[in-house]
Amino acid sequence: MIHGQDDPWIRLHAARTLTRTIPDARLITYPDMGHEFPQHLWATIARDVWEATQPAASAPTPEQEQRRTLRG
């Protein structure tokens, strides 16, 4: 799941709760993002979606883990 940390419509705790109910789901959050995807994050979000949809055959790189940690 992708979620803005400043979403005024669906609060972050609701996204966390929903993520826990979906098997194998991961939550990626973005600071300073509300309910819409701001254009300056499009490339980052696209990369994160691509990485999240790759087969889990290999462990994430340290760079990927650091980005996930920074985002939530």
N, C-alpha and C. Protein backbone atom coordinates (compact mmCIF):
# COMPACT_ATOMS: atom_id res chain seq x y z
N MET A 1 0.84 -1.16 0.00
CA MET A 1 0.00 0.00 0.00
C MET A 1 0.89 1.23 0.00
N ILE A 2 0.41 2.27 -0.62
CA ILE A 2 1.09 3.56 -0.65
C ILE A 2 0.17 4.55 0.06
N HIS A 3 0.78 5.34 0.95
CA HIS A 3 -0.06 6.26 1.71
C HIS A 3 0.71 7.51 2.06
N GLY A 4 0.03 8.65 1.97
CA GLY A 4 0.62 9.92 2.39
C GLY A 4 0.48 10.09 3.89
N GLN A 5 1.55 10.47 4.53
CA GLN A 5 1.52 10.63 5.99
C GLN A 5 0.63 11.80 6.42
N ASP A 6 0.36 12.70 5.50
CA ASP A 6 -0.49 13.86 5.82
C ASP A 6 -1.87 13.78 5.17
N ASP A 7 -2.32 12.58 4.85
CA ASP A 7 -3.63 12.40 4.21
C ASP A 7 -4.74 12.83 5.17
N PRO A 8 -5.53 13.86 4.81
CA PRO A 8 -6.59 14.32 5.71
C PRO A 8 -7.85 13.45 5.64
N TRP A 9 -8.00 12.62 4.62
CA TRP A 9 -9.21 11.82 4.45
C TRP A 9 -9.07 10.43 5.06
N ILE A 10 -7.95 9.81 4.84
CA ILE A 10 -7.71 8.47 5.39
C ILE A 10 -6.45 8.57 6.24
N ARG A 11 -6.62 8.53 7.52
CA ARG A 11 -5.51 8.73 8.44
C ARG A 11 -4.51 7.57 8.36
N LEU A 12 -3.29 7.86 8.74
CA LEU A 12 -2.21 6.88 8.65
C LEU A 12 -2.50 5.63 9.48
N HIS A 13 -3.10 5.80 10.64
CA HIS A 13 -3.40 4.61 11.46
C HIS A 13 -4.39 3.68 10.75
N ALA A 14 -5.28 4.23 9.94
CA ALA A 14 -6.22 3.39 9.18
C ALA A 14 -5.47 2.61 8.10
N ALA A 15 -4.51 3.25 7.46
CA ALA A 15 -3.71 2.55 6.45
C ALA A 15 -2.90 1.42 7.09
N ARG A 16 -2.36 1.69 8.26
CA ARG A 16 -1.60 0.64 8.97
C ARG A 16 -2.52 -0.52 9.35
N THR A 17 -3.70 -0.20 9.83
CA THR A 17 -4.66 -1.25 10.21
C THR A 17 -5.05 -2.08 8.99
N LEU A 18 -5.36 -1.43 7.88
CA LEU A 18 -5.74 -2.15 6.67
C LEU A 18 -4.59 -3.02 6.16
N THR A 19 -3.38 -2.51 6.20
CA THR A 19 -2.23 -3.27 5.74
C THR A 19 -2.09 -4.57 6.53
N ARG A 20 -2.34 -4.51 7.83
CA ARG A 20 -2.23 -5.72 8.66
C ARG A 20 -3.27 -6.77 8.31
N THR A 21 -4.37 -6.37 7.68
CA THR A 21 -5.43 -7.33 7.35
C THR A 21 -5.22 -8.01 5.99
N ILE A 22 -4.27 -7.52 5.20
CA ILE A 22 -4.03 -8.05 3.86
C ILE A 22 -2.77 -8.92 3.90
N PRO A 23 -2.88 -10.21 3.59
CA PRO A 23 -1.70 -11.08 3.64
C PRO A 23 -0.57 -10.55 2.75
N ASP A 24 0.62 -10.55 3.30
CA ASP A 24 1.85 -10.15 2.59
C ASP A 24 1.86 -8.70 2.14
N ALA A 25 0.96 -7.88 2.64
CA ALA A 25 0.93 -6.46 2.24
C ALA A 25 2.06 -5.70 2.92
N ARG A 26 2.52 -4.69 2.22
CA ARG A 26 3.51 -3.77 2.76
C ARG A 26 2.97 -2.36 2.63
N LEU A 27 3.30 -1.54 3.60
CA LEU A 27 2.88 -0.15 3.59
C LEU A 27 4.09 0.73 3.36
N ILE A 28 4.01 1.57 2.34
CA ILE A 28 5.05 2.55 2.07
C ILE A 28 4.40 3.91 2.26
N THR A 29 4.96 4.70 3.16
CA THR A 29 4.39 6.02 3.43
C THR A 29 5.36 7.11 2.96
N TYR A 30 4.79 8.26 2.67
CA TYR A 30 5.57 9.39 2.18
C TYR A 30 5.26 10.61 3.03
N PRO A 31 6.30 11.22 3.62
CA PRO A 31 6.07 12.45 4.38
C PRO A 31 5.66 13.59 3.45
N ASP A 32 4.92 14.51 3.98
CA ASP A 32 4.47 15.69 3.23
C ASP A 32 3.60 15.33 2.02
N MET A 33 2.96 14.16 2.04
CA MET A 33 2.03 13.78 0.97
C MET A 33 0.66 13.60 1.60
N GLY A 34 -0.34 14.14 0.94
CA GLY A 34 -1.71 14.01 1.41
C GLY A 34 -2.40 12.86 0.71
N HIS A 35 -3.61 13.10 0.19
CA HIS A 35 -4.42 12.06 -0.44
C HIS A 35 -4.07 11.85 -1.91
N GLU A 36 -3.41 12.81 -2.52
CA GLU A 36 -3.05 12.71 -3.94
C GLU A 36 -1.54 12.53 -4.09
N PHE A 37 -1.12 11.97 -5.23
CA PHE A 37 0.30 11.79 -5.50
C PHE A 37 0.86 13.09 -6.09
N PRO A 38 1.71 13.79 -5.35
CA PRO A 38 2.28 15.02 -5.91
C PRO A 38 3.29 14.68 -7.02
N GLN A 39 3.33 15.52 -8.01
CA GLN A 39 4.15 15.25 -9.19
C GLN A 39 5.62 15.03 -8.83
N HIS A 40 6.13 15.73 -7.85
CA HIS A 40 7.55 15.56 -7.51
C HIS A 40 7.86 14.17 -6.94
N LEU A 41 6.84 13.40 -6.58
CA LEU A 41 7.07 12.03 -6.07
C LEU A 41 6.76 10.95 -7.10
N TRP A 42 6.29 11.31 -8.28
CA TRP A 42 5.89 10.29 -9.25
C TRP A 42 7.00 9.28 -9.53
N ALA A 43 8.20 9.73 -9.78
CA ALA A 43 9.30 8.81 -10.10
C ALA A 43 9.61 7.91 -8.90
N THR A 44 9.60 8.47 -7.72
CA THR A 44 9.87 7.68 -6.51
C THR A 44 8.78 6.64 -6.29
N ILE A 45 7.53 7.04 -6.44
CA ILE A 45 6.41 6.12 -6.25
C ILE A 45 6.45 5.02 -7.30
N ALA A 46 6.72 5.38 -8.54
CA ALA A 46 6.81 4.37 -9.61
C ALA A 46 7.90 3.36 -9.30
N ARG A 47 9.05 3.84 -8.84
CA ARG A 47 10.15 2.93 -8.49
C ARG A 47 9.74 2.03 -7.32
N ASP A 48 9.11 2.60 -6.32
CA ASP A 48 8.69 1.82 -5.16
C ASP A 48 7.65 0.76 -5.54
N VAL A 49 6.72 1.11 -6.41
CA VAL A 49 5.72 0.13 -6.87
C VAL A 49 6.42 -0.98 -7.64
N TRP A 50 7.34 -0.60 -8.53
CA TRP A 50 8.06 -1.61 -9.30
C TRP A 50 8.82 -2.55 -8.36
N GLU A 51 9.53 -2.01 -7.40
CA GLU A 51 10.29 -2.84 -6.46
C GLU A 51 9.37 -3.75 -5.64
N ALA A 52 8.22 -3.23 -5.23
CA ALA A 52 7.29 -4.01 -4.41
C ALA A 52 6.63 -5.14 -5.18
N THR A 53 6.60 -5.03 -6.51
CA THR A 53 5.93 -6.06 -7.30
C THR A 53 6.89 -7.07 -7.90
N GLN A 54 8.16 -6.95 -7.60
CA GLN A 54 9.13 -7.92 -8.10
C GLN A 54 9.06 -9.19 -7.27
N PRO A 55 9.39 -10.32 -7.89
CA PRO A 55 9.39 -11.57 -7.13
C PRO A 55 10.31 -11.47 -5.92
N ALA A 56 9.92 -12.13 -4.87
CA ALA A 56 10.67 -12.07 -3.62
C ALA A 56 11.83 -13.05 -3.61
N ALA A 57 12.36 -13.40 -4.75
CA ALA A 57 13.43 -14.39 -4.84
C ALA A 57 14.72 -13.88 -4.22
N SER A 58 14.91 -12.57 -4.20
CA SER A 58 16.15 -12.04 -3.62
C SER A 58 15.81 -11.04 -2.53
N ALA A 59 16.73 -10.93 -1.60
CA ALA A 59 16.53 -9.98 -0.50
C ALA A 59 16.71 -8.56 -1.01
N PRO A 60 16.03 -7.60 -0.39
CA PRO A 60 16.20 -6.20 -0.80
C PRO A 60 17.64 -5.75 -0.59
N THR A 61 18.07 -4.84 -1.42
CA THR A 61 19.41 -4.26 -1.25
C THR A 61 19.39 -3.36 -0.02
N PRO A 62 20.56 -3.06 0.54
CA PRO A 62 20.59 -2.13 1.67
C PRO A 62 19.96 -0.77 1.34
N GLU A 63 20.14 -0.30 0.09
CA GLU A 63 19.54 0.98 -0.31
C GLU A 63 18.01 0.89 -0.28
N GLN A 64 17.45 -0.23 -0.76
CA GLN A 64 16.00 -0.41 -0.75
C GLN A 64 15.48 -0.46 0.68
N GLU A 65 16.18 -1.16 1.56
CA GLU A 65 15.75 -1.24 2.96
C GLU A 65 15.81 0.12 3.62
N GLN A 66 16.85 0.90 3.32
CA GLN A 66 16.96 2.23 3.92
C GLN A 66 15.80 3.12 3.47
N ARG A 67 15.45 3.07 2.18
CA ARG A 67 14.33 3.88 1.69
C ARG A 67 13.04 3.47 2.39
N ARG A 68 12.81 2.18 2.54
CA ARG A 68 11.60 1.72 3.21
C ARG A 68 11.56 2.19 4.65
N THR A 69 12.71 2.12 5.32
CA THR A 69 12.78 2.55 6.71
C THR A 69 12.48 4.04 6.84
N LEU A 70 13.00 4.83 5.93
CA LEU A 70 12.78 6.27 5.98
C LEU A 70 11.33 6.62 5.71
N ARG A 71 10.62 5.80 4.94
CA ARG A 71 9.24 6.12 4.56
C ARG A 71 8.20 5.56 5.51
N GLY A 72 8.53 4.66 6.35
CA GLY A 72 7.50 4.21 7.26
C GLY A 72 7.44 2.77 7.43
